[in-house]
Amino acid sequence: MEQFVYKSKSVALFFLTFTLGFSLFYGYFNENFADRDPAAVGHKVHQLKNFDPEQLKEELSHKVQIQNLPDGKKYIRFTSLSSNVCRQYPKVQIQFTGDGISVAGEPPVMTIDAECLPAQDPVEMASIEIPVTRILKQKPANASFKFDGLSSTFTFSGSGDEWPRTWILRSVIFKNQNGNTKVVAFEKTITENKTPTVLEF
């Protein structure tokens, strides 16, 4: 009887040790390998920290798109960008420069400060709505605007007498509470060699 109890304890201890070891291994593998493959261009991006600036610029130049809906609403969409990114960087700042209008030689700038959130499909990063109709109802000014139903803040600087109707994506900055950032800067103007992300008001 004592031998049976001893064997039972040994089996239970082995099973417990095996389960704990497997859990630790799985957690380590998932953290260090599963989501850290920056070479997988064209696939879903789960992490940002292993990308150098040029790699990240190349990735986001394809993944940041403007979505125009039939009802007139416009969204900044992060295609194939995993919501895992929001765990690292819960805030995102997106900057556009106005095309075709300048004040003292500099174009107007629109800065969008938004939360990085999961979409309805929690695997994807949520799109960010741009309330174009409501912005156009405001008098052009160097000011920040918040709109009912939206958590984002829209800040304009270098504004002239009218709103630019064409805006070019200038930068995307992912931020966290520790002050760490991932900055991706794009070309300022439309050129023959580059096709920037363009937002039309």
N, C-alpha and C. Protein backbone atom coordinates (compact mmCIF):
# COMPACT_ATOMS: atom_id res chain seq x y z
N MET A 1 0.83 -1.20 0.00
CA MET A 1 0.00 0.00 0.00
C MET A 1 0.87 1.26 0.00
N GLU A 2 1.91 1.24 0.81
CA GLU A 2 2.82 2.39 0.87
C GLU A 2 3.50 2.60 -0.47
N GLN A 3 3.87 1.47 -1.14
CA GLN A 3 4.53 1.58 -2.44
C GLN A 3 3.59 2.21 -3.46
N PHE A 4 2.28 1.83 -3.40
CA PHE A 4 1.29 2.39 -4.32
C PHE A 4 1.14 3.90 -4.10
N VAL A 5 1.08 4.30 -2.83
CA VAL A 5 0.97 5.72 -2.50
C VAL A 5 2.19 6.48 -2.99
N TYR A 6 3.38 5.87 -2.80
CA TYR A 6 4.63 6.50 -3.23
C TYR A 6 4.64 6.70 -4.75
N LYS A 7 4.20 5.64 -5.49
CA LYS A 7 4.17 5.75 -6.94
C LYS A 7 3.16 6.81 -7.39
N SER A 8 2.02 6.86 -6.71
CA SER A 8 1.00 7.84 -7.06
C SER A 8 1.52 9.26 -6.86
N LYS A 9 2.24 9.49 -5.77
CA LYS A 9 2.82 10.81 -5.52
C LYS A 9 3.86 11.16 -6.57
N SER A 10 4.64 10.15 -6.97
CA SER A 10 5.68 10.37 -7.97
C SER A 10 5.07 10.76 -9.32
N VAL A 11 4.01 10.03 -9.70
CA VAL A 11 3.33 10.33 -10.96
C VAL A 11 2.72 11.74 -10.92
N ALA A 12 2.08 12.05 -9.79
CA ALA A 12 1.46 13.38 -9.65
C ALA A 12 2.51 14.48 -9.72
N LEU A 13 3.67 14.26 -9.06
CA LEU A 13 4.75 15.25 -9.07
C LEU A 13 5.31 15.42 -10.47
N PHE A 14 5.47 14.29 -11.17
CA PHE A 14 5.98 14.34 -12.55
C PHE A 14 5.02 15.13 -13.45
N PHE A 15 3.71 14.83 -13.31
CA PHE A 15 2.71 15.51 -14.13
C PHE A 15 2.69 17.01 -13.84
N LEU A 16 2.78 17.37 -12.56
CA LEU A 16 2.78 18.78 -12.18
C LEU A 16 4.00 19.49 -12.73
N THR A 17 5.17 18.85 -12.61
CA THR A 17 6.42 19.44 -13.11
C THR A 17 6.36 19.60 -14.62
N PHE A 18 5.85 18.57 -15.32
CA PHE A 18 5.75 18.62 -16.77
C PHE A 18 4.82 19.74 -17.22
N THR A 19 3.68 19.86 -16.56
CA THR A 19 2.70 20.90 -16.91
C THR A 19 3.27 22.30 -16.71
N LEU A 20 3.96 22.50 -15.57
CA LEU A 20 4.57 23.79 -15.29
C LEU A 20 5.65 24.12 -16.30
N GLY A 21 6.48 23.12 -16.60
CA GLY A 21 7.56 23.33 -17.57
C GLY A 21 7.02 23.66 -18.94
N PHE A 22 5.96 22.96 -19.36
CA PHE A 22 5.36 23.22 -20.67
C PHE A 22 4.76 24.62 -20.73
N SER A 23 4.09 25.03 -19.65
CA SER A 23 3.48 26.36 -19.61
C SER A 23 4.54 27.45 -19.74
N LEU A 24 5.65 27.27 -19.01
CA LEU A 24 6.74 28.26 -19.09
C LEU A 24 7.35 28.30 -20.49
N PHE A 25 7.54 27.12 -21.08
CA PHE A 25 8.11 27.05 -22.42
C PHE A 25 7.19 27.71 -23.44
N TYR A 26 5.89 27.40 -23.34
CA TYR A 26 4.93 27.97 -24.28
C TYR A 26 4.88 29.49 -24.17
N GLY A 27 4.88 29.98 -22.93
CA GLY A 27 4.86 31.43 -22.73
C GLY A 27 6.10 32.10 -23.29
N TYR A 28 7.25 31.48 -23.08
CA TYR A 28 8.51 32.03 -23.59
C TYR A 28 8.52 32.02 -25.11
N PHE A 29 8.07 30.87 -25.68
CA PHE A 29 8.05 30.76 -27.13
C PHE A 29 7.13 31.80 -27.74
N ASN A 30 5.94 31.94 -27.15
CA ASN A 30 4.96 32.88 -27.67
C ASN A 30 5.44 34.31 -27.59
N GLU A 31 6.13 34.65 -26.51
CA GLU A 31 6.62 36.01 -26.30
C GLU A 31 7.80 36.34 -27.19
N ASN A 32 8.70 35.36 -27.38
CA ASN A 32 9.97 35.67 -28.04
C ASN A 32 10.05 35.27 -29.50
N PHE A 33 9.13 34.41 -29.96
CA PHE A 33 9.25 33.96 -31.32
C PHE A 33 7.97 34.15 -32.14
N ALA A 34 6.85 33.79 -31.59
CA ALA A 34 5.64 33.72 -32.38
C ALA A 34 5.27 35.05 -33.01
N ASP A 35 5.47 36.16 -32.30
CA ASP A 35 5.03 37.45 -32.79
C ASP A 35 6.17 38.38 -33.16
N ARG A 36 7.34 37.83 -33.37
CA ARG A 36 8.49 38.72 -33.56
C ARG A 36 9.21 38.47 -34.88
N ASP A 37 8.47 38.28 -35.94
CA ASP A 37 9.12 38.02 -37.22
C ASP A 37 8.96 39.21 -38.14
N PRO A 38 9.90 40.20 -38.07
CA PRO A 38 9.77 41.39 -38.90
C PRO A 38 10.03 41.14 -40.36
N ALA A 39 10.53 39.95 -40.72
CA ALA A 39 10.84 39.67 -42.11
C ALA A 39 9.61 39.26 -42.89
N ALA A 40 8.50 39.04 -42.20
CA ALA A 40 7.29 38.54 -42.87
C ALA A 40 6.53 39.69 -43.51
N VAL A 41 7.14 40.35 -44.49
CA VAL A 41 6.52 41.47 -45.18
C VAL A 41 5.28 40.96 -45.90
N GLY A 42 4.18 41.68 -45.78
CA GLY A 42 2.94 41.26 -46.41
C GLY A 42 2.05 40.45 -45.49
N HIS A 43 2.56 40.03 -44.36
CA HIS A 43 1.76 39.29 -43.39
C HIS A 43 1.38 40.22 -42.25
N LYS A 44 0.58 39.71 -41.34
CA LYS A 44 0.14 40.54 -40.22
C LYS A 44 1.31 40.90 -39.32
N VAL A 45 1.42 42.17 -38.98
CA VAL A 45 2.48 42.65 -38.09
C VAL A 45 1.96 42.61 -36.66
N HIS A 46 2.64 41.86 -35.79
CA HIS A 46 2.22 41.72 -34.40
C HIS A 46 3.04 42.62 -33.47
N GLN A 47 4.29 42.85 -33.81
CA GLN A 47 5.20 43.61 -32.96
C GLN A 47 5.85 44.71 -33.78
N LEU A 48 6.30 45.76 -33.11
CA LEU A 48 6.98 46.86 -33.80
C LEU A 48 8.44 46.99 -33.40
N LYS A 49 8.79 46.48 -32.21
CA LYS A 49 10.10 46.81 -31.65
C LYS A 49 11.28 46.21 -32.41
N ASN A 50 11.06 45.16 -33.20
CA ASN A 50 12.18 44.56 -33.92
C ASN A 50 12.38 45.15 -35.32
N PHE A 51 11.52 46.07 -35.72
CA PHE A 51 11.67 46.72 -37.01
C PHE A 51 12.60 47.92 -36.90
N ASP A 52 13.50 48.07 -37.88
CA ASP A 52 14.25 49.32 -37.93
C ASP A 52 13.37 50.35 -38.65
N PRO A 53 13.71 51.64 -38.59
CA PRO A 53 12.83 52.67 -39.16
C PRO A 53 12.46 52.45 -40.62
N GLU A 54 13.42 52.02 -41.44
CA GLU A 54 13.14 51.83 -42.86
C GLU A 54 12.21 50.65 -43.10
N GLN A 55 12.41 49.55 -42.35
CA GLN A 55 11.51 48.40 -42.46
C GLN A 55 10.08 48.79 -42.08
N LEU A 56 9.97 49.52 -40.97
CA LEU A 56 8.67 49.91 -40.48
C LEU A 56 7.98 50.87 -41.47
N LYS A 57 8.76 51.76 -42.04
CA LYS A 57 8.23 52.69 -43.04
C LYS A 57 7.70 51.92 -44.24
N GLU A 58 8.44 50.93 -44.69
CA GLU A 58 8.03 50.12 -45.83
C GLU A 58 6.74 49.36 -45.52
N GLU A 59 6.67 48.78 -44.33
CA GLU A 59 5.48 48.04 -43.92
C GLU A 59 4.25 48.95 -43.86
N LEU A 60 4.37 50.06 -43.14
CA LEU A 60 3.21 50.91 -42.92
C LEU A 60 2.79 51.68 -44.17
N SER A 61 3.71 51.87 -45.10
CA SER A 61 3.34 52.55 -46.35
C SER A 61 2.30 51.74 -47.11
N HIS A 62 2.26 50.42 -46.87
CA HIS A 62 1.26 49.56 -47.51
C HIS A 62 0.05 49.32 -46.61
N LYS A 63 0.25 49.42 -45.31
CA LYS A 63 -0.79 49.02 -44.37
C LYS A 63 -1.69 50.17 -43.90
N VAL A 64 -1.19 51.41 -43.96
CA VAL A 64 -2.02 52.55 -43.57
C VAL A 64 -2.77 53.04 -44.81
N GLN A 65 -4.09 52.91 -44.78
CA GLN A 65 -4.91 53.26 -45.93
C GLN A 65 -6.09 54.12 -45.50
N ILE A 66 -6.62 54.88 -46.44
CA ILE A 66 -7.83 55.66 -46.20
C ILE A 66 -9.01 54.88 -46.75
N GLN A 67 -9.99 54.65 -45.90
CA GLN A 67 -11.19 53.92 -46.29
C GLN A 67 -12.35 54.90 -46.44
N ASN A 68 -12.94 54.94 -47.62
CA ASN A 68 -14.07 55.82 -47.91
C ASN A 68 -15.34 54.99 -47.99
N LEU A 69 -16.30 55.27 -47.11
CA LEU A 69 -17.55 54.53 -47.10
C LEU A 69 -18.61 55.24 -47.93
N PRO A 70 -19.61 54.49 -48.41
CA PRO A 70 -20.67 55.10 -49.24
C PRO A 70 -21.42 56.22 -48.54
N ASP A 71 -21.51 56.18 -47.21
CA ASP A 71 -22.23 57.23 -46.48
C ASP A 71 -21.40 58.49 -46.28
N GLY A 72 -20.19 58.51 -46.86
CA GLY A 72 -19.34 59.70 -46.78
C GLY A 72 -18.33 59.67 -45.65
N LYS A 73 -18.44 58.71 -44.74
CA LYS A 73 -17.48 58.63 -43.64
C LYS A 73 -16.12 58.15 -44.15
N LYS A 74 -15.09 58.64 -43.49
CA LYS A 74 -13.73 58.27 -43.86
C LYS A 74 -13.00 57.74 -42.63
N TYR A 75 -12.16 56.74 -42.86
CA TYR A 75 -11.42 56.12 -41.77
C TYR A 75 -9.96 55.93 -42.16
N ILE A 76 -9.09 56.03 -41.17
CA ILE A 76 -7.70 55.58 -41.34
C ILE A 76 -7.70 54.11 -40.94
N ARG A 77 -7.35 53.26 -41.87
CA ARG A 77 -7.39 51.82 -41.64
C ARG A 77 -5.97 51.26 -41.61
N PHE A 78 -5.70 50.43 -40.61
CA PHE A 78 -4.39 49.78 -40.48
C PHE A 78 -4.55 48.32 -40.89
N THR A 79 -4.44 48.05 -42.19
CA THR A 79 -4.66 46.71 -42.69
C THR A 79 -3.51 45.78 -42.26
N SER A 80 -3.87 44.59 -41.82
CA SER A 80 -2.89 43.57 -41.42
C SER A 80 -1.99 44.02 -40.29
N LEU A 81 -2.48 44.93 -39.46
CA LEU A 81 -1.73 45.32 -38.27
C LEU A 81 -2.47 44.76 -37.06
N SER A 82 -1.80 43.88 -36.33
CA SER A 82 -2.44 43.17 -35.22
C SER A 82 -2.73 44.11 -34.05
N SER A 83 -3.80 43.82 -33.33
CA SER A 83 -4.12 44.59 -32.13
C SER A 83 -3.09 44.35 -31.03
N ASN A 84 -2.21 43.36 -31.19
CA ASN A 84 -1.10 43.17 -30.23
C ASN A 84 -0.25 44.43 -30.13
N VAL A 85 -0.18 45.18 -31.23
CA VAL A 85 0.59 46.43 -31.24
C VAL A 85 0.07 47.38 -30.15
N CYS A 86 -1.25 47.35 -29.91
CA CYS A 86 -1.86 48.25 -28.94
C CYS A 86 -1.46 47.91 -27.51
N ARG A 87 -1.04 46.68 -27.27
CA ARG A 87 -0.55 46.32 -25.94
C ARG A 87 0.78 47.00 -25.67
N GLN A 88 1.60 47.13 -26.70
CA GLN A 88 2.88 47.82 -26.56
C GLN A 88 2.71 49.33 -26.57
N TYR A 89 1.85 49.81 -27.47
CA TYR A 89 1.69 51.24 -27.68
C TYR A 89 0.20 51.59 -27.71
N PRO A 90 -0.39 51.94 -26.58
CA PRO A 90 -1.84 52.20 -26.51
C PRO A 90 -2.28 53.53 -27.13
N LYS A 91 -1.33 54.38 -27.52
CA LYS A 91 -1.67 55.65 -28.15
C LYS A 91 -1.02 55.73 -29.53
N VAL A 92 -1.70 56.37 -30.46
CA VAL A 92 -1.14 56.58 -31.78
C VAL A 92 -1.41 58.02 -32.22
N GLN A 93 -0.40 58.63 -32.80
CA GLN A 93 -0.51 60.01 -33.30
C GLN A 93 -0.23 59.98 -34.81
N ILE A 94 -1.16 60.54 -35.57
CA ILE A 94 -1.05 60.53 -37.03
C ILE A 94 -1.04 61.96 -37.52
N GLN A 95 -0.09 62.28 -38.38
CA GLN A 95 0.04 63.65 -38.85
C GLN A 95 -0.07 63.71 -40.37
N PHE A 96 -0.89 64.65 -40.83
CA PHE A 96 -1.05 64.92 -42.26
C PHE A 96 -0.64 66.36 -42.55
N THR A 97 -0.13 66.61 -43.74
CA THR A 97 0.13 67.99 -44.18
C THR A 97 -0.80 68.30 -45.34
N GLY A 98 -1.31 69.54 -45.37
CA GLY A 98 -2.19 69.96 -46.45
C GLY A 98 -1.41 70.17 -47.73
N ASP A 99 -2.01 69.78 -48.85
CA ASP A 99 -1.35 69.92 -50.15
C ASP A 99 -2.03 71.05 -50.94
N GLY A 100 -1.21 71.89 -51.58
CA GLY A 100 -1.75 72.95 -52.44
C GLY A 100 -1.99 74.26 -51.73
N ILE A 101 -1.84 74.30 -50.41
CA ILE A 101 -2.02 75.54 -49.64
C ILE A 101 -0.83 75.69 -48.71
N SER A 102 -0.32 76.89 -48.59
CA SER A 102 0.78 77.13 -47.65
C SER A 102 0.60 78.49 -46.99
N VAL A 103 1.09 78.58 -45.77
CA VAL A 103 1.06 79.82 -45.02
C VAL A 103 2.49 80.13 -44.61
N ALA A 104 3.01 81.27 -45.05
CA ALA A 104 4.42 81.63 -44.80
C ALA A 104 5.36 80.52 -45.29
N GLY A 105 4.98 79.90 -46.41
CA GLY A 105 5.83 78.89 -47.02
C GLY A 105 5.71 77.50 -46.44
N GLU A 106 4.86 77.31 -45.44
CA GLU A 106 4.70 76.01 -44.81
C GLU A 106 3.25 75.53 -44.97
N PRO A 107 3.05 74.23 -45.19
CA PRO A 107 1.69 73.72 -45.34
C PRO A 107 0.99 73.59 -44.00
N PRO A 108 -0.33 73.65 -43.99
CA PRO A 108 -1.07 73.37 -42.76
C PRO A 108 -0.82 71.94 -42.31
N VAL A 109 -0.94 71.72 -41.02
CA VAL A 109 -0.70 70.39 -40.45
C VAL A 109 -1.92 69.96 -39.64
N MET A 110 -2.36 68.74 -39.85
CA MET A 110 -3.42 68.15 -39.04
C MET A 110 -2.83 66.99 -38.25
N THR A 111 -2.95 67.05 -36.92
CA THR A 111 -2.44 66.01 -36.04
C THR A 111 -3.60 65.31 -35.35
N ILE A 112 -3.67 64.01 -35.49
CA ILE A 112 -4.74 63.22 -34.89
C ILE A 112 -4.15 62.40 -33.75
N ASP A 113 -4.64 62.63 -32.54
CA ASP A 113 -4.23 61.85 -31.38
C ASP A 113 -5.36 60.88 -31.04
N ALA A 114 -5.06 59.59 -31.14
CA ALA A 114 -6.10 58.58 -30.98
C ALA A 114 -5.63 57.44 -30.09
N GLU A 115 -6.58 56.66 -29.64
CA GLU A 115 -6.27 55.46 -28.88
C GLU A 115 -6.03 54.30 -29.86
N CYS A 116 -5.08 53.47 -29.54
CA CYS A 116 -4.85 52.24 -30.31
C CYS A 116 -5.72 51.16 -29.67
N LEU A 117 -6.73 50.70 -30.42
CA LEU A 117 -7.72 49.78 -29.87
C LEU A 117 -7.95 48.60 -30.81
N PRO A 118 -8.41 47.47 -30.25
CA PRO A 118 -8.79 46.35 -31.12
C PRO A 118 -10.07 46.68 -31.88
N ALA A 119 -10.22 46.09 -33.08
CA ALA A 119 -11.43 46.26 -33.87
C ALA A 119 -12.51 45.30 -33.39
N GLN A 120 -13.64 45.27 -34.11
CA GLN A 120 -14.69 44.30 -33.79
C GLN A 120 -14.12 42.89 -33.85
N ASP A 121 -13.30 42.65 -34.85
CA ASP A 121 -12.49 41.43 -34.87
C ASP A 121 -11.27 41.75 -34.01
N PRO A 122 -11.19 41.22 -32.78
CA PRO A 122 -10.16 41.65 -31.83
C PRO A 122 -8.73 41.37 -32.29
N VAL A 123 -8.57 40.60 -33.35
CA VAL A 123 -7.23 40.32 -33.86
C VAL A 123 -6.67 41.55 -34.58
N GLU A 124 -7.56 42.37 -35.15
CA GLU A 124 -7.14 43.52 -35.95
C GLU A 124 -7.13 44.80 -35.11
N MET A 125 -6.31 45.75 -35.53
CA MET A 125 -6.32 47.08 -34.92
C MET A 125 -7.47 47.88 -35.50
N ALA A 126 -8.19 48.60 -34.64
CA ALA A 126 -9.37 49.34 -35.07
C ALA A 126 -9.00 50.52 -35.96
N SER A 127 -9.89 50.82 -36.90
CA SER A 127 -9.73 52.00 -37.76
C SER A 127 -10.04 53.26 -36.95
N ILE A 128 -9.57 54.39 -37.45
CA ILE A 128 -9.79 55.68 -36.78
C ILE A 128 -10.64 56.56 -37.69
N GLU A 129 -11.79 56.99 -37.18
CA GLU A 129 -12.70 57.80 -38.00
C GLU A 129 -12.19 59.23 -38.11
N ILE A 130 -12.31 59.79 -39.30
CA ILE A 130 -12.00 61.19 -39.54
C ILE A 130 -13.31 61.91 -39.88
N PRO A 131 -13.82 62.75 -39.00
CA PRO A 131 -15.12 63.40 -39.22
C PRO A 131 -15.01 64.59 -40.17
N VAL A 132 -14.79 64.29 -41.45
CA VAL A 132 -14.51 65.33 -42.43
C VAL A 132 -15.63 66.37 -42.48
N THR A 133 -16.88 65.92 -42.53
CA THR A 133 -18.01 66.86 -42.64
C THR A 133 -18.04 67.82 -41.46
N ARG A 134 -17.78 67.31 -40.27
CA ARG A 134 -17.82 68.16 -39.07
C ARG A 134 -16.62 69.10 -39.02
N ILE A 135 -15.48 68.65 -39.52
CA ILE A 135 -14.30 69.53 -39.56
C ILE A 135 -14.54 70.69 -40.52
N LEU A 136 -15.11 70.39 -41.69
CA LEU A 136 -15.33 71.44 -42.69
C LEU A 136 -16.35 72.49 -42.22
N LYS A 137 -17.17 72.15 -41.24
CA LYS A 137 -18.13 73.11 -40.69
C LYS A 137 -17.47 74.09 -39.72
N GLN A 138 -16.23 73.76 -39.30
CA GLN A 138 -15.50 74.65 -38.40
C GLN A 138 -14.74 75.70 -39.20
N LYS A 139 -14.58 76.85 -38.62
CA LYS A 139 -13.78 77.89 -39.26
C LYS A 139 -12.31 77.49 -39.16
N PRO A 140 -11.55 77.56 -40.27
CA PRO A 140 -10.13 77.21 -40.22
C PRO A 140 -9.41 77.99 -39.13
N ALA A 141 -8.69 77.29 -38.28
CA ALA A 141 -8.01 77.94 -37.16
C ALA A 141 -6.91 77.03 -36.65
N ASN A 142 -5.98 77.63 -35.93
CA ASN A 142 -4.97 76.85 -35.22
C ASN A 142 -5.58 76.45 -33.88
N ALA A 143 -6.17 75.28 -33.86
CA ALA A 143 -6.93 74.87 -32.68
C ALA A 143 -7.08 73.36 -32.64
N SER A 144 -7.52 72.87 -31.49
CA SER A 144 -7.81 71.44 -31.31
C SER A 144 -9.32 71.26 -31.25
N PHE A 145 -9.80 70.19 -31.88
CA PHE A 145 -11.23 69.90 -31.90
C PHE A 145 -11.49 68.49 -31.40
N LYS A 146 -12.55 68.36 -30.62
CA LYS A 146 -13.05 67.05 -30.22
C LYS A 146 -14.53 67.01 -30.63
N PHE A 147 -14.95 65.84 -31.09
CA PHE A 147 -16.31 65.70 -31.60
C PHE A 147 -17.05 64.61 -30.84
N ASP A 148 -18.34 64.85 -30.62
CA ASP A 148 -19.17 63.89 -29.89
C ASP A 148 -19.09 62.51 -30.53
N GLY A 149 -18.93 61.51 -29.69
CA GLY A 149 -18.90 60.13 -30.17
C GLY A 149 -17.53 59.66 -30.60
N LEU A 150 -16.54 60.55 -30.60
CA LEU A 150 -15.19 60.18 -31.00
C LEU A 150 -14.22 60.50 -29.87
N SER A 151 -13.29 59.61 -29.61
CA SER A 151 -12.31 59.85 -28.55
C SER A 151 -11.08 60.59 -29.06
N SER A 152 -10.90 60.63 -30.37
CA SER A 152 -9.70 61.25 -30.95
C SER A 152 -9.75 62.78 -30.84
N THR A 153 -8.56 63.38 -30.82
CA THR A 153 -8.43 64.84 -30.84
C THR A 153 -7.78 65.24 -32.16
N PHE A 154 -8.33 66.29 -32.80
CA PHE A 154 -7.85 66.75 -34.09
C PHE A 154 -7.28 68.16 -33.91
N THR A 155 -5.97 68.29 -34.10
CA THR A 155 -5.29 69.57 -33.87
C THR A 155 -4.74 70.09 -35.19
N PHE A 156 -5.02 71.36 -35.47
CA PHE A 156 -4.58 71.99 -36.71
C PHE A 156 -3.61 73.13 -36.39
N SER A 157 -2.56 73.22 -37.20
CA SER A 157 -1.60 74.32 -37.08
C SER A 157 -1.24 74.80 -38.48
N GLY A 158 -0.81 76.06 -38.55
CA GLY A 158 -0.47 76.64 -39.85
C GLY A 158 -1.68 76.82 -40.75
N SER A 159 -2.86 76.97 -40.14
CA SER A 159 -4.09 77.07 -40.93
C SER A 159 -4.18 78.41 -41.65
N GLY A 160 -4.78 78.38 -42.84
CA GLY A 160 -5.00 79.60 -43.61
C GLY A 160 -6.46 80.00 -43.58
N ASP A 161 -6.94 80.60 -44.67
CA ASP A 161 -8.31 81.09 -44.73
C ASP A 161 -9.29 79.98 -45.10
N GLU A 162 -8.80 78.85 -45.59
CA GLU A 162 -9.67 77.75 -45.97
C GLU A 162 -8.99 76.42 -45.66
N TRP A 163 -9.82 75.39 -45.50
CA TRP A 163 -9.27 74.06 -45.23
C TRP A 163 -8.69 73.47 -46.52
N PRO A 164 -7.51 72.90 -46.46
CA PRO A 164 -7.03 72.13 -47.61
C PRO A 164 -7.98 70.97 -47.89
N ARG A 165 -8.16 70.61 -49.13
CA ARG A 165 -9.02 69.48 -49.47
C ARG A 165 -8.22 68.20 -49.69
N THR A 166 -6.91 68.33 -49.81
CA THR A 166 -6.05 67.16 -49.97
C THR A 166 -5.01 67.16 -48.86
N TRP A 167 -4.94 66.06 -48.15
CA TRP A 167 -4.00 65.91 -47.05
C TRP A 167 -3.12 64.68 -47.29
N ILE A 168 -1.83 64.84 -47.04
CA ILE A 168 -0.86 63.76 -47.30
C ILE A 168 -0.32 63.25 -45.97
N LEU A 169 -0.32 61.95 -45.81
CA LEU A 169 0.19 61.35 -44.58
C LEU A 169 1.66 61.69 -44.42
N ARG A 170 1.99 62.28 -43.28
CA ARG A 170 3.37 62.70 -42.99
C ARG A 170 4.05 61.75 -42.01
N SER A 171 3.34 61.34 -40.96
CA SER A 171 3.98 60.47 -39.97
C SER A 171 2.95 59.71 -39.16
N VAL A 172 3.38 58.57 -38.62
CA VAL A 172 2.60 57.79 -37.67
C VAL A 172 3.52 57.52 -36.48
N ILE A 173 3.05 57.88 -35.27
CA ILE A 173 3.86 57.69 -34.07
C ILE A 173 3.07 56.85 -33.07
N PHE A 174 3.61 55.71 -32.72
CA PHE A 174 3.01 54.86 -31.69
C PHE A 174 3.66 55.20 -30.35
N LYS A 175 2.83 55.37 -29.30
CA LYS A 175 3.34 55.81 -28.01
C LYS A 175 2.84 54.90 -26.89
N ASN A 176 3.67 54.81 -25.82
CA ASN A 176 3.19 54.12 -24.63
C ASN A 176 3.36 55.01 -23.40
N GLN A 177 2.89 54.50 -22.26
CA GLN A 177 2.87 55.29 -21.04
C GLN A 177 4.26 55.56 -20.47
N ASN A 178 5.26 54.82 -20.94
CA ASN A 178 6.63 55.00 -20.46
C ASN A 178 7.41 56.04 -21.26
N GLY A 179 6.74 56.63 -22.24
CA GLY A 179 7.41 57.62 -23.06
C GLY A 179 8.14 57.04 -24.25
N ASN A 180 8.03 55.71 -24.44
CA ASN A 180 8.66 55.08 -25.60
C ASN A 180 7.80 55.29 -26.84
N THR A 181 8.44 55.47 -27.98
CA THR A 181 7.71 55.72 -29.22
C THR A 181 8.32 54.92 -30.38
N LYS A 182 7.50 54.70 -31.38
CA LYS A 182 7.94 54.20 -32.67
C LYS A 182 7.48 55.21 -33.70
N VAL A 183 8.43 55.90 -34.33
CA VAL A 183 8.12 56.98 -35.26
C VAL A 183 8.35 56.52 -36.69
N VAL A 184 7.34 56.72 -37.53
CA VAL A 184 7.46 56.40 -38.95
C VAL A 184 7.16 57.68 -39.73
N ALA A 185 8.15 58.19 -40.47
CA ALA A 185 7.97 59.42 -41.23
C ALA A 185 7.90 59.11 -42.72
N PHE A 186 6.99 59.80 -43.41
CA PHE A 186 6.81 59.60 -44.84
C PHE A 186 7.16 60.88 -45.60
N GLU A 187 7.16 60.78 -46.94
CA GLU A 187 7.46 61.94 -47.75
C GLU A 187 6.41 63.03 -47.56
N LYS A 188 6.85 64.28 -47.68
CA LYS A 188 5.95 65.41 -47.42
C LYS A 188 5.00 65.71 -48.59
N THR A 189 5.44 65.40 -49.80
CA THR A 189 4.66 65.82 -50.96
C THR A 189 4.42 64.65 -51.91
N ILE A 190 3.51 64.88 -52.84
CA ILE A 190 3.25 63.88 -53.88
C ILE A 190 4.33 63.98 -54.95
N THR A 191 4.98 62.87 -55.25
CA THR A 191 6.01 62.84 -56.28
C THR A 191 5.72 61.69 -57.24
N GLU A 192 6.42 61.69 -58.37
CA GLU A 192 6.22 60.62 -59.35
C GLU A 192 6.73 59.29 -58.84
N ASN A 193 7.75 59.31 -57.99
CA ASN A 193 8.39 58.08 -57.55
C ASN A 193 7.72 57.46 -56.34
N LYS A 194 6.94 58.24 -55.61
CA LYS A 194 6.32 57.75 -54.39
C LYS A 194 4.81 57.94 -54.47
N THR A 195 4.09 56.98 -53.95
CA THR A 195 2.64 57.10 -53.86
C THR A 195 2.25 57.17 -52.40
N PRO A 196 2.07 58.37 -51.86
CA PRO A 196 1.76 58.51 -50.44
C PRO A 196 0.31 58.16 -50.14
N THR A 197 0.01 58.06 -48.87
CA THR A 197 -1.38 57.87 -48.44
C THR A 197 -2.05 59.24 -48.44
N VAL A 198 -3.10 59.38 -49.22
CA VAL A 198 -3.75 60.69 -49.42
C VAL A 198 -5.17 60.65 -48.87
N LEU A 199 -5.51 61.66 -48.10
CA LEU A 199 -6.85 61.85 -47.56
C LEU A 199 -7.50 63.04 -48.26
N GLU A 200 -8.64 62.81 -48.87
CA GLU A 200 -9.37 63.89 -49.54
C GLU A 200 -10.55 64.34 -48.68
N PHE A 201 -10.61 65.64 -48.41
CA PHE A 201 -11.73 66.20 -47.66
C PHE A 201 -12.91 66.42 -48.62
